Amino acid sequence: MNGIIELSGMKFHAFHGCLPVEREKGAEYVVDFKCRCDIGAAALSDRLEDTVDYGRIYRLVATVMAHPSNLLEKVASDIAGSIQAEFPRLEWLSVRVAKLDPPVEGPCECSAVTVERP
């Protein structure tokens, strides 16, 4: 039985970016994770060991967010890679990293990058 598991709206203050102000003051980020996987065993057993542990996902994301990178592309790719390494049975995953109020010359809610992996 296939299912979609999501962990949305993970919030972090981090120091990603190419500009000195981004590295000094940091910014607010929102990370969304989604995966497709077999949830049949978990549906029958009702055991955390048989599914994707949200707590482990959050810790993996937090670890990557704690290490500054220049580009959101790198951050999203590193998060996807660490999740894929920890949960190799995922059929597909998506990671979206959004920087709130990016340093652009006008109003902008966020800049974002989404990485998908089979």
Protein backbone atom coordinates (compact mmCIF):
# COMPACT_ATOMS: atom_id res chain seq x y z
CA MET A 1 0.00 0.00 0.00
CA ASN A 2 1.57 3.27 -1.12
CA GLY A 3 1.13 6.50 0.78
CA ILE A 4 2.40 10.06 0.97
CA ILE A 5 4.05 11.20 4.20
CA GLU A 6 4.66 14.93 4.76
CA LEU A 7 6.37 17.14 7.29
CA SER A 8 5.48 20.73 6.43
CA GLY A 9 6.39 24.13 7.80
CA MET A 10 9.63 23.28 9.60
CA LYS A 11 10.99 26.69 10.67
CA PHE A 12 14.63 27.61 11.15
CA HIS A 13 16.78 30.69 11.62
CA ALA A 14 19.86 29.98 9.49
CA PHE A 15 22.78 31.71 7.80
CA HIS A 16 22.63 30.65 4.15
CA GLY A 17 23.37 33.08 1.35
CA CYS A 18 26.07 34.78 -0.69
CA LEU A 19 25.77 38.25 0.83
CA PRO A 20 27.66 39.21 4.01
CA VAL A 21 24.43 40.35 5.71
CA GLU A 22 22.90 36.91 5.13
CA ARG A 23 25.86 35.25 6.83
CA GLU A 24 25.95 37.76 9.71
CA LYS A 25 22.26 38.24 10.58
CA GLY A 26 20.77 35.15 9.04
CA ALA A 27 17.20 34.77 7.87
CA GLU A 28 14.06 32.78 8.51
CA TYR A 29 13.54 29.61 6.49
CA VAL A 30 10.70 27.17 6.02
CA VAL A 31 11.37 23.59 4.91
CA ASP A 32 8.72 21.20 3.58
CA PHE A 33 9.29 17.48 3.11
CA LYS A 34 7.13 14.99 1.23
CA CYS A 35 7.75 11.36 0.30
CA ARG A 36 5.98 8.43 -1.32
CA CYS A 37 6.60 5.06 0.28
CA ASP A 38 5.04 1.74 1.17
CA ILE A 39 2.96 2.30 4.31
CA GLY A 40 1.35 -1.15 4.31
CA ALA A 41 3.46 -2.61 7.14
CA ALA A 42 2.89 0.44 9.33
CA ALA A 43 -0.84 0.42 8.64
CA LEU A 44 -1.02 -3.18 9.87
CA SER A 45 1.47 -3.06 12.76
CA ASP A 46 0.83 0.47 14.11
CA ARG A 47 4.57 0.58 14.92
CA LEU A 48 6.86 3.58 14.37
CA GLU A 49 9.64 1.25 13.25
CA ASP A 50 7.60 0.35 10.17
CA THR A 51 7.29 3.88 8.80
CA VAL A 52 9.14 7.15 8.29
CA ASP A 53 9.89 8.68 11.70
CA TYR A 54 9.06 12.42 11.58
CA GLY A 55 11.46 13.09 14.45
CA ARG A 56 14.36 11.61 12.50
CA ILE A 57 13.40 13.63 9.42
CA TYR A 58 13.33 16.85 11.46
CA ARG A 59 16.75 16.13 12.99
CA LEU A 60 18.25 15.48 9.54
CA VAL A 61 16.83 18.75 8.24
CA ALA A 62 18.02 20.68 11.32
CA THR A 63 21.54 19.29 10.92
CA VAL A 64 21.80 20.52 7.33
CA MET A 65 20.20 23.87 8.15
CA ALA A 66 22.85 24.45 10.85
CA HIS A 67 25.67 24.44 8.27
CA PRO A 68 25.70 27.61 6.10
CA SER A 69 25.72 27.27 2.32
CA ASN A 70 25.72 29.92 -0.38
CA LEU A 71 22.74 28.62 -2.35
CA LEU A 72 19.31 27.20 -1.55
CA GLU A 73 19.94 24.63 -4.29
CA LYS A 74 22.77 23.17 -2.19
CA VAL A 75 20.75 23.26 1.02
CA ALA A 76 17.75 21.49 -0.54
CA SER A 77 19.99 18.93 -2.26
CA ASP A 78 21.92 18.21 0.94
CA ILE A 79 18.68 17.71 2.89
CA ALA A 80 17.30 15.38 0.22
CA GLY A 81 20.54 13.41 0.18
CA SER A 82 20.68 12.97 3.93
CA ILE A 83 17.04 11.81 4.05
CA GLN A 84 17.57 9.43 1.14
CA ALA A 85 20.64 7.95 2.86
CA GLU A 86 18.71 7.43 6.11
CA PHE A 87 15.56 6.10 4.42
CA PRO A 88 16.70 4.28 1.25
CA ARG A 89 13.32 2.61 0.72
CA LEU A 90 11.55 5.84 -0.19
CA GLU A 91 10.11 5.64 -3.70
CA TRP A 92 10.20 9.41 -4.21
CA LEU A 93 10.90 12.48 -2.10
CA SER A 94 10.58 16.22 -2.38
CA VAL A 95 12.28 18.90 -0.27
CA ARG A 96 11.34 22.58 -0.55
CA VAL A 97 13.51 25.21 1.16
CA ALA A 98 12.13 28.75 1.28
CA LYS A 99 13.97 31.84 2.50
CA LEU A 100 11.48 34.37 3.87
CA ASP A 101 11.97 38.03 2.92
CA PRO A 102 14.96 37.45 0.61
CA PRO A 103 17.31 40.38 -0.02
CA VAL A 104 15.88 41.65 -3.30
CA GLU A 105 15.03 45.16 -4.47
CA GLY A 106 11.36 45.04 -3.60
CA PRO A 107 8.63 43.18 -1.75
CA CYS A 108 9.03 39.43 -1.93
CA GLU A 109 7.48 36.86 0.40
CA CYS A 110 10.10 34.21 -0.22
CA SER A 111 12.57 32.64 -2.56
CA ALA A 112 12.41 28.85 -2.75
CA VAL A 113 14.01 25.80 -4.30
CA THR A 114 12.41 22.36 -4.55
CA VAL A 115 14.47 19.22 -5.07
CA GLU A 116 12.84 15.94 -6.08
CA ARG A 117 14.53 12.55 -6.06
CA PRO A 118 13.24 9.22 -7.31
